[in-house]
Amino acid sequence: MTQDKLLRRSMDAVWHPCTQMKRHERFPLLPIRRGDGIWLEDTEGRRFIDAVSSWWTNLFGHCNPTINAAITDQLGQLEHAMLAGFTHGPVVELSERLAALTDHSLGHAFYASDGASATEIALKMSQHYWRNLGRPDKNRYLCLQDGYHGETVGALAVTDVAIFRDAYAPLVRAAQTVPTPDARLAAAGESPVDVAIRAAARLEAVLAAQHETTAALIVEPLVQGASGMVMYDPEYLRRARALCDRYEVHLIADEIAVGFGRTGTFFAHEQAGIRPDLMCLSKGITGGYLALSCVLCTDEIYEAFYDDAIERAFLHSHSYTGNALACRAALAVLDIFERDHVIEANRERARWLGEAFASALASHPTAALRQRGMILAFDVPDAPADFAQHMFHHGLDAGILLRPIGNTVYLMPPYVFDEGLAGEMASATCLALVRSLAGY
């Protein structure tokens, strides 16, 4: 099939996500033929560095041989079996290994297909837990200002990104927002810790007034992704954990984007020395291969549902829960982390990335270059209209896949680049930035 024919057919038949389809009259779709490591290749043979890990999912490169082999092996045994009344080896082993990564403080795993579903599961678990304890009034939620937790109706309740939420506001039972600990909000003389302490004080005031009706606080630990890679100090998580304990409110850690090594530790909340009551995982869990999400919870939460009465059971189902192929992919991801000492190796990769961008951006009109592990971002003040769209397309011309959020350019690449490729990403990004600001 020719590239032009593929593009025409895609425009006619495929409704692409998070997209105003009319824009593709000016900015054509990019037809991808294959992937290899950090590279994507289009139908004309052009190659692009996948600097955003295909929406933050890919950890170890496209067509990774270890993950390929695991899925191929599983295909010859069991592709899927319903998890209601049945079980299988991959889902048991994955659940045990994920629990072990939390020191067994989160010992029970419930599976779904995507991050928004994981958010909804965690919210439902929290509310139903309090109901089972005879406290049905605890059914409201707190979320951070500018937080993002998915776009299904339930997840939108705790998502504070207007473009996603407002169109569907009549369907949504909105949570209450509390101030973000965004380190960029520091006043003169303040540190990121000061901002975190101030935001936690506001959280305390809300909890003191509303804890009797509040089931849970949900946060993206350390990095609020969809609002522009907002980064904050771990002190906020420490104080939020203590406040949730004091006021009997669950702490939900949405590690969908920041888990699996993205921030420099396997789970981002580890940098605060705390554990949540519920944790949502997805995106990198299968290395970007197959749809899978997971909610891990404490023994205390699990035991509140363990009863003879069906109405006290957790009443949520999904046909592909614990899919065997996806679980084998996830197990292969954990194998790579252990075999290749990925967390340690990523410290060097993060240094390469930070040094390359600090040097390349030194003469460019950008602000707030910031980094947390393998996530790097910078803002472009007074960016022109359609900056993100132009940056995306000029990036492709420079050989790199970027997907800015408003005036924020970020990189979240797979963990398979060397120092030379770090420099190449920085150079390509700066070239795209120059061309976007020049209005080409």
Protein backbone atom coordinates (compact mmCIF):
# COMPACT_ATOMS: atom_id res chain seq x y z
CA MET A 1 0.00 0.00 0.00
CA THR A 2 1.39 3.44 -0.92
CA GLN A 3 1.83 6.04 1.78
CA ASP A 4 -0.77 8.35 0.24
CA LYS A 5 -3.34 5.57 0.08
CA LEU A 6 -2.68 4.56 3.68
CA LEU A 7 -3.11 8.16 4.84
CA ARG A 8 -6.37 8.61 2.93
CA ARG A 9 -7.79 5.39 4.33
CA SER A 10 -6.75 6.29 7.87
CA MET A 11 -8.39 9.71 7.63
CA ASP A 12 -11.59 8.10 6.34
CA ALA A 13 -11.80 5.20 8.78
CA VAL A 14 -9.81 5.92 11.97
CA TRP A 15 -10.85 8.45 14.60
CA HIS A 16 -7.53 9.22 16.28
CA PRO A 17 -7.31 9.92 20.03
CA CYS A 18 -6.91 13.35 21.58
CA THR A 19 -6.97 14.83 18.09
CA GLN A 20 -8.88 17.45 16.15
CA MET A 21 -9.06 15.45 12.94
CA LYS A 22 -9.43 18.54 10.75
CA ARG A 23 -5.87 19.56 11.68
CA HIS A 24 -4.58 16.63 9.69
CA GLU A 25 -5.62 18.47 6.54
CA ARG A 26 -2.64 20.76 7.29
CA PHE A 27 -0.46 18.37 9.30
CA PRO A 28 -0.69 14.90 7.74
CA LEU A 29 -0.58 11.76 9.84
CA LEU A 30 2.74 9.98 10.09
CA PRO A 31 2.46 6.38 8.80
CA ILE A 32 4.77 4.12 10.85
CA ARG A 33 6.01 0.86 9.33
CA ARG A 34 8.35 -0.54 11.94
CA GLY A 35 10.21 0.14 15.17
CA ASP A 36 13.70 -0.80 16.33
CA GLY A 37 15.06 0.22 19.71
CA ILE A 38 14.64 3.97 20.18
CA TRP A 39 13.80 4.41 16.49
CA LEU A 40 10.52 4.50 14.56
CA GLU A 41 10.51 4.23 10.77
CA ASP A 42 7.83 5.50 8.41
CA THR A 43 6.65 3.95 5.16
CA GLU A 44 9.21 5.98 3.19
CA GLY A 45 12.13 4.79 5.30
CA ARG A 46 12.61 7.95 7.34
CA ARG A 47 13.69 7.30 10.95
CA PHE A 48 12.71 9.21 14.07
CA ILE A 49 13.95 9.05 17.64
CA ASP A 50 10.94 8.15 19.80
CA ALA A 51 11.73 10.72 22.49
CA VAL A 52 8.32 10.39 24.18
CA SER A 53 8.24 6.57 24.34
CA SER A 54 5.04 6.47 22.29
CA TRP A 55 2.97 8.26 24.92
CA TRP A 56 5.26 7.28 27.80
CA THR A 57 4.77 3.53 27.43
CA ASN A 58 7.95 2.16 25.86
CA LEU A 59 10.73 1.39 28.31
CA PHE A 60 13.25 -0.80 26.49
CA GLY A 61 12.83 0.07 22.85
CA HIS A 62 10.62 -1.13 20.06
CA CYS A 63 10.76 -4.82 19.14
CA ASN A 64 12.79 -5.66 22.24
CA PRO A 65 14.06 -9.24 21.83
CA THR A 66 13.45 -10.25 25.47
CA ILE A 67 9.82 -9.10 25.46
CA ASN A 68 9.30 -10.52 21.96
CA ALA A 69 10.53 -13.93 23.11
CA ALA A 70 8.32 -13.94 26.21
CA ILE A 71 5.18 -13.14 24.22
CA THR A 72 6.06 -15.69 21.53
CA ASP A 73 6.54 -18.37 24.16
CA GLN A 74 3.26 -17.50 25.85
CA LEU A 75 1.40 -17.62 22.52
CA GLY A 76 2.15 -21.32 22.37
CA GLN A 77 0.64 -21.95 25.82
CA LEU A 78 -2.28 -19.65 26.64
CA GLU A 79 -3.36 -16.37 25.07
CA HIS A 80 -6.21 -15.54 27.47
CA ALA A 81 -8.62 -17.07 29.94
CA MET A 82 -11.21 -15.22 31.98
CA LEU A 83 -9.99 -14.43 35.48
CA ALA A 84 -13.39 -14.80 37.13
CA GLY A 85 -13.23 -18.27 38.63
CA PHE A 86 -9.93 -19.13 36.88
CA THR A 87 -6.27 -18.25 37.26
CA HIS A 88 -2.98 -18.87 35.47
CA GLY A 89 0.74 -18.78 36.10
CA PRO A 90 1.67 -15.40 34.55
CA VAL A 91 -0.90 -13.39 36.51
CA VAL A 92 0.06 -15.06 39.79
CA GLU A 93 3.80 -14.53 39.25
CA LEU A 94 3.32 -10.92 38.16
CA SER A 95 1.16 -10.15 41.20
CA GLU A 96 3.72 -11.67 43.54
CA ARG A 97 6.63 -9.82 41.96
CA LEU A 98 4.85 -6.47 41.99
CA ALA A 99 3.96 -6.97 45.65
CA ALA A 100 7.59 -7.79 46.42
CA LEU A 101 8.64 -4.50 44.82
CA THR A 102 6.56 -2.73 47.50
CA ASP A 103 8.08 -4.87 50.28
CA HIS A 104 4.68 -6.59 50.34
CA SER A 105 3.03 -3.49 51.79
CA LEU A 106 0.73 -3.56 48.75
CA GLY A 107 0.04 -7.25 48.55
CA HIS A 108 -3.03 -7.59 46.33
CA ALA A 109 -3.30 -6.86 42.60
CA PHE A 110 -6.42 -6.11 40.57
CA TYR A 111 -6.00 -5.87 36.78
CA ALA A 112 -7.59 -3.92 33.95
CA SER A 113 -6.49 -2.61 30.57
CA ASP A 114 -5.48 1.05 30.84
CA GLY A 115 -4.57 3.85 33.20
CA ALA A 116 -7.98 5.52 33.37
CA SER A 117 -9.53 2.17 34.32
CA ALA A 118 -6.93 1.77 37.05
CA THR A 119 -7.89 5.19 38.41
CA GLU A 120 -11.57 4.24 38.47
CA ILE A 121 -10.80 0.95 40.20
CA ALA A 122 -8.80 2.70 42.91
CA LEU A 123 -11.55 5.27 43.47
CA LYS A 124 -14.21 2.56 43.66
CA MET A 125 -12.10 0.45 46.01
CA SER A 126 -11.65 3.36 48.38
CA GLN A 127 -15.33 4.34 48.46
CA HIS A 128 -16.48 0.72 48.79
CA TYR A 129 -13.95 0.09 51.57
CA TRP A 130 -15.49 2.89 53.66
CA ARG A 131 -18.98 1.62 52.82
CA ASN A 132 -18.07 -1.86 54.02
CA LEU A 133 -16.76 -0.32 57.25
CA GLY A 134 -20.13 1.33 57.86
CA ARG A 135 -18.97 4.81 56.85
CA PRO A 136 -20.82 5.43 53.56
CA ASP A 137 -20.54 9.22 53.87
CA LYS A 138 -16.82 8.95 53.01
CA ASN A 139 -17.37 9.03 49.25
CA ARG A 140 -15.71 12.22 48.03
CA TYR A 141 -12.19 12.73 46.66
CA LEU A 142 -9.38 15.24 46.70
CA CYS A 143 -6.97 15.75 43.82
CA LEU A 144 -4.19 18.18 43.04
CA GLN A 145 -4.76 21.32 41.02
CA ASP A 146 -3.77 20.58 37.39
CA GLY A 147 -3.69 16.84 38.11
CA TYR A 148 -4.46 14.29 35.41
CA HIS A 149 -5.68 10.75 36.03
CA GLY A 150 -7.44 9.73 32.82
CA GLU A 151 -10.39 10.61 30.62
CA THR A 152 -13.15 8.14 31.40
CA VAL A 153 -16.06 9.63 33.33
CA GLY A 154 -14.87 8.38 36.70
CA ALA A 155 -11.26 9.41 36.10
CA LEU A 156 -12.34 12.85 34.91
CA ALA A 157 -13.75 13.44 38.38
CA VAL A 158 -10.18 13.72 39.67
CA THR A 159 -8.65 15.27 36.53
CA ASP A 160 -8.13 19.04 36.71
CA VAL A 161 -7.14 19.72 33.09
CA ALA A 162 -9.91 21.87 31.66
CA ILE A 163 -9.73 20.77 28.04
CA PHE A 164 -10.36 17.16 29.07
CA ARG A 165 -12.87 17.83 31.83
CA ASP A 166 -15.07 20.73 30.78
CA ALA A 167 -16.62 19.19 27.67
CA TYR A 168 -18.03 16.35 29.79
CA ALA A 169 -18.76 18.30 32.97
CA PRO A 170 -22.47 17.30 33.04
CA LEU A 171 -21.41 13.67 33.39
CA VAL A 172 -18.81 14.19 36.09
CA ARG A 173 -19.07 14.24 39.89
CA ALA A 174 -16.10 16.48 40.37
CA ALA A 175 -13.64 16.11 43.21
CA GLN A 176 -12.25 19.04 45.16
CA THR A 177 -8.85 20.27 44.10
CA VAL A 178 -6.10 21.23 46.53
CA PRO A 179 -3.09 23.39 45.62
CA THR A 180 -0.34 21.88 43.54
CA PRO A 181 3.16 21.81 45.06
CA ASP A 182 4.61 22.84 41.65
CA ALA A 183 8.20 23.90 42.37
CA ARG A 184 7.90 26.70 39.78
CA LEU A 185 5.54 28.53 42.18
CA ALA A 186 8.40 29.34 44.55
CA ALA A 187 8.48 33.00 45.53
CA ALA A 188 11.74 34.90 45.81
CA GLY A 189 13.91 33.18 48.37
CA GLU A 190 11.75 30.06 48.53
CA SER A 191 12.86 26.51 47.75
CA PRO A 192 10.82 23.66 46.26
CA VAL A 193 10.55 22.30 49.82
CA ASP A 194 8.94 25.56 50.92
CA VAL A 195 6.36 25.27 48.14
CA ALA A 196 5.65 21.67 49.15
CA ILE A 197 5.17 22.64 52.81
CA ARG A 198 2.83 25.49 51.88
CA ALA A 199 0.72 23.22 49.63
CA ALA A 200 0.58 20.56 52.36
CA ALA A 201 -0.67 23.16 54.84
CA ARG A 202 -3.56 23.94 52.50
CA LEU A 203 -4.25 20.22 52.20
CA GLU A 204 -4.35 19.94 55.98
CA ALA A 205 -6.94 22.70 56.22
CA VAL A 206 -9.20 20.95 53.71
CA LEU A 207 -8.83 17.56 55.40
CA ALA A 208 -9.53 19.04 58.82
CA ALA A 209 -12.84 20.38 57.51
CA GLN A 210 -13.88 17.56 55.19
CA HIS A 211 -12.28 14.30 56.32
CA GLU A 212 -15.62 12.83 57.43
CA THR A 213 -16.81 12.84 53.81
CA THR A 214 -13.45 12.27 52.08
CA ALA A 215 -12.53 8.79 50.94
CA ALA A 216 -9.15 9.43 49.33
CA LEU A 217 -6.56 11.87 48.04
CA ILE A 218 -5.11 10.95 44.64
CA VAL A 219 -1.74 12.29 43.47
CA GLU A 220 0.77 11.79 40.68
CA PRO A 221 3.94 11.34 42.74
CA LEU A 222 6.67 13.92 41.99
CA VAL A 223 5.63 14.71 38.39
CA GLN A 224 2.22 15.88 37.17
CA GLY A 225 2.48 14.79 33.55
CA ALA A 226 -0.37 16.08 31.39
CA SER A 227 -0.35 19.53 32.97
CA GLY A 228 3.14 20.15 31.58
CA MET A 229 5.54 17.92 33.52
CA VAL A 230 5.00 19.79 36.79
CA MET A 231 7.70 18.65 39.22
CA TYR A 232 7.65 18.95 42.99
CA ASP A 233 9.61 18.04 46.09
CA PRO A 234 9.09 14.65 47.84
CA GLU A 235 8.36 16.51 51.08
CA TYR A 236 4.80 17.01 49.86
CA LEU A 237 4.26 13.25 49.68
CA ARG A 238 5.67 12.75 53.18
CA ARG A 239 3.30 15.33 54.61
CA ALA A 240 0.34 14.08 52.56
CA ARG A 241 0.94 10.55 53.85
CA ALA A 242 0.99 11.75 57.46
CA LEU A 243 -2.14 13.84 56.97
CA CYS A 244 -4.03 10.98 55.32
CA ASP A 245 -3.13 8.76 58.27
CA ARG A 246 -4.24 11.38 60.78
CA TYR A 247 -7.58 12.04 59.11
CA GLU A 248 -8.34 8.45 58.01
CA VAL A 249 -8.22 9.14 54.28
CA HIS A 250 -6.68 6.83 51.68
CA LEU A 251 -3.65 7.99 49.71
CA ILE A 252 -3.79 6.84 46.09
CA ALA A 253 -0.53 7.04 44.15
CA ASP A 254 -1.10 7.31 40.41
CA GLU A 255 2.19 5.86 39.18
CA ILE A 256 0.80 5.19 35.69
CA ALA A 257 3.27 7.55 34.01
CA VAL A 258 5.96 7.89 36.68
CA GLY A 259 6.41 4.27 37.76
CA PHE A 260 8.85 1.70 36.39
CA GLY A 261 11.95 3.85 36.78
CA ARG A 262 10.86 7.07 35.11
CA THR A 263 11.77 9.33 38.04
CA GLY A 264 14.98 7.60 39.15
CA THR A 265 13.49 5.01 41.51
CA PHE A 266 11.34 2.06 40.53
CA PHE A 267 8.26 3.78 41.98
CA ALA A 268 8.31 7.56 42.33
CA HIS A 269 6.80 7.56 45.84
CA GLU A 270 9.87 5.70 47.13
CA GLN A 271 11.80 8.99 47.01
CA ALA A 272 9.60 10.24 49.84
CA GLY A 273 10.12 7.10 51.92
CA ILE A 274 6.39 6.37 52.04
CA ARG A 275 3.89 3.84 50.71
CA PRO A 276 0.37 4.65 49.47
CA ASP A 277 -2.76 2.70 50.34
CA LEU A 278 -3.54 2.13 46.67
CA MET A 279 -1.24 2.38 43.66
CA CYS A 280 -2.21 2.60 39.98
CA LEU A 281 0.14 1.18 37.34
CA SER A 282 -0.04 1.02 33.55
CA LYS A 283 1.89 2.45 30.54
CA GLY A 284 5.40 1.01 31.05
CA ILE A 285 4.16 -2.12 32.81
CA THR A 286 4.38 -4.14 29.57
CA GLY A 287 7.18 -2.11 28.03
CA GLY A 288 4.76 -0.48 25.61
CA TYR A 289 3.62 -3.76 24.07
CA LEU A 290 0.14 -4.65 25.30
CA ALA A 291 -2.69 -2.94 27.16
CA LEU A 292 -2.52 -3.70 30.88
CA SER A 293 -3.09 -1.83 34.11
CA CYS A 294 -2.99 -2.81 37.74
CA VAL A 295 -4.11 -1.48 41.10
CA LEU A 296 -2.15 -2.67 44.13
CA CYS A 297 -3.72 -2.31 47.57
CA THR A 298 -2.92 -3.00 51.20
CA ASP A 299 -4.04 -6.06 53.15
CA GLU A 300 -6.31 -3.82 55.20
CA ILE A 301 -8.26 -2.69 52.13
CA TYR A 302 -8.46 -6.21 50.70
CA GLU A 303 -9.70 -7.69 53.96
CA ALA A 304 -12.62 -5.24 54.13
CA PHE A 305 -14.06 -6.98 51.04
CA TYR A 306 -13.37 -10.58 52.16
CA ASP A 307 -16.79 -11.84 53.24
CA ASP A 308 -19.59 -14.30 52.46
CA ALA A 309 -21.87 -11.51 51.21
CA ILE A 310 -21.56 -10.77 47.49
CA GLU A 311 -22.48 -7.11 47.99
CA ARG A 312 -19.33 -6.71 50.08
CA ALA A 313 -17.18 -8.03 47.23
CA PHE A 314 -15.38 -5.62 44.91
CA LEU A 315 -17.93 -5.28 42.12
CA HIS A 316 -15.83 -4.49 39.09
CA SER A 317 -15.09 -6.64 36.06
CA HIS A 318 -13.26 -6.47 32.75
CA SER A 319 -13.21 -9.22 30.13
CA TYR A 320 -9.45 -9.10 29.59
CA THR A 321 -8.46 -8.79 33.24
CA GLY A 322 -5.04 -10.34 33.83
CA ASN A 323 -4.53 -11.25 30.16
CA ALA A 324 -1.85 -13.93 29.98
CA LEU A 325 0.06 -12.39 27.06
CA ALA A 326 0.16 -8.97 28.71
CA CYS A 327 1.26 -10.50 32.02
CA ARG A 328 4.12 -12.34 30.28
CA ALA A 329 5.22 -9.09 28.67
CA ALA A 330 5.17 -7.43 32.10
CA LEU A 331 7.20 -10.27 33.59
CA ALA A 332 9.77 -9.82 30.82
CA VAL A 333 9.95 -6.11 31.71
CA LEU A 334 10.70 -7.00 35.33
CA ASP A 335 13.32 -9.50 34.15
CA ILE A 336 15.09 -6.77 32.18
CA PHE A 337 15.09 -4.45 35.19
CA GLU A 338 16.77 -7.14 37.28
CA ARG A 339 19.16 -8.49 34.64
CA ASP A 340 20.42 -5.15 33.38
CA HIS A 341 20.40 -3.20 36.67
CA VAL A 342 18.29 -0.59 34.91
CA ILE A 343 17.70 1.81 37.80
CA GLU A 344 21.44 2.16 38.36
CA ALA A 345 22.19 2.45 34.62
CA ASN A 346 19.52 5.12 34.22
CA ARG A 347 21.36 7.43 36.58
CA GLU A 348 24.08 7.73 33.94
CA ARG A 349 21.56 8.11 31.13
CA ALA A 350 19.74 10.84 33.06
CA ARG A 351 23.04 12.68 33.51
CA TRP A 352 23.78 12.49 29.79
CA LEU A 353 20.32 13.82 28.98
CA GLY A 354 20.50 16.68 31.46
CA GLU A 355 23.99 17.78 30.43
CA ALA A 356 23.16 17.63 26.73
CA PHE A 357 20.05 19.81 27.11
CA ALA A 358 21.63 22.28 29.53
CA SER A 359 24.34 22.90 26.97
CA ALA A 360 22.10 22.93 23.89
CA LEU A 361 19.49 25.26 25.41
CA ALA A 362 21.96 27.72 26.93
CA SER A 363 21.34 30.30 24.19
CA HIS A 364 17.63 29.66 23.64
CA PRO A 365 14.66 31.62 25.10
CA THR A 366 13.38 28.87 27.36
CA ALA A 367 12.52 28.74 31.03
CA ALA A 368 12.44 26.24 33.88
CA LEU A 369 14.62 23.48 32.46
CA ARG A 370 13.85 20.73 34.93
CA GLN A 371 14.49 17.03 35.28
CA ARG A 372 13.40 14.17 37.47
CA GLY A 373 15.27 11.03 36.50
CA MET A 374 14.40 10.09 32.94
CA ILE A 375 11.87 12.92 32.49
CA LEU A 376 13.19 16.25 31.22
CA ALA A 377 11.12 19.33 30.37
CA PHE A 378 11.36 23.03 29.65
CA ASP A 379 8.87 25.82 29.03
CA VAL A 380 8.84 28.26 26.12
CA PRO A 381 7.61 31.68 27.31
CA ASP A 382 5.25 33.55 24.99
CA ALA A 383 5.07 30.63 22.60
CA PRO A 384 3.10 31.41 19.44
CA ALA A 385 -0.28 29.89 18.62
CA ASP A 386 -0.13 26.25 17.56
CA PHE A 387 3.40 26.04 18.99
CA ALA A 388 2.94 22.42 20.06
CA GLN A 389 1.71 21.36 16.61
CA HIS A 390 4.56 23.15 14.83
CA MET A 391 7.14 21.79 17.29
CA PHE A 392 5.85 18.28 16.64
CA HIS A 393 6.19 18.59 12.87
CA HIS A 394 9.51 20.44 12.91
CA GLY A 395 10.73 17.74 15.27
CA LEU A 396 9.86 15.10 12.68
CA ASP A 397 11.78 17.10 10.07
CA ALA A 398 14.75 17.02 12.47
CA GLY A 399 14.37 13.27 13.04
CA ILE A 400 12.79 13.25 16.49
CA LEU A 401 9.29 12.50 17.80
CA LEU A 402 8.21 15.19 20.28
CA ARG A 403 4.71 15.91 21.53
CA PRO A 404 4.72 19.17 23.51
CA ILE A 405 1.99 19.98 26.03
CA GLY A 406 1.03 23.58 25.36
CA ASN A 407 4.25 25.56 25.65
CA THR A 408 6.05 22.77 27.51
CA VAL A 409 8.51 20.61 25.59
CA TYR A 410 9.45 17.38 27.30
CA LEU A 411 11.41 14.21 26.70
CA MET A 412 10.67 10.82 28.21
CA PRO A 413 12.73 8.46 26.03
CA PRO A 414 13.12 4.67 26.24
CA TYR A 415 15.96 3.47 28.43
CA VAL A 416 18.14 2.40 25.50
CA PHE A 417 20.13 5.48 24.47
CA ASP A 418 23.82 6.24 24.85
CA GLU A 419 25.62 9.53 25.38
CA GLY A 420 25.79 10.23 21.66
CA LEU A 421 22.05 9.78 21.23
CA ALA A 422 21.43 12.09 24.21
CA GLY A 423 23.31 14.79 22.33
CA GLU A 424 21.43 13.97 19.14
CA MET A 425 18.09 14.37 20.95
CA ALA A 426 19.17 17.74 22.32
CA SER A 427 20.38 19.00 18.94
CA ALA A 428 17.25 17.86 17.10
CA THR A 429 14.98 19.39 19.74
CA CYS A 430 16.78 22.73 19.54
CA LEU A 431 16.60 22.73 15.75
CA ALA A 432 12.85 22.12 15.94
CA LEU A 433 12.55 24.88 18.57
CA VAL A 434 14.34 27.43 16.40
CA ARG A 435 12.18 26.64 13.39
CA SER A 436 8.94 26.68 15.42
CA LEU A 437 9.70 30.08 16.94
CA ALA A 438 10.69 31.46 13.54
CA GLY A 439 7.26 30.52 12.20
CA TYR A 440 8.50 28.28 9.41
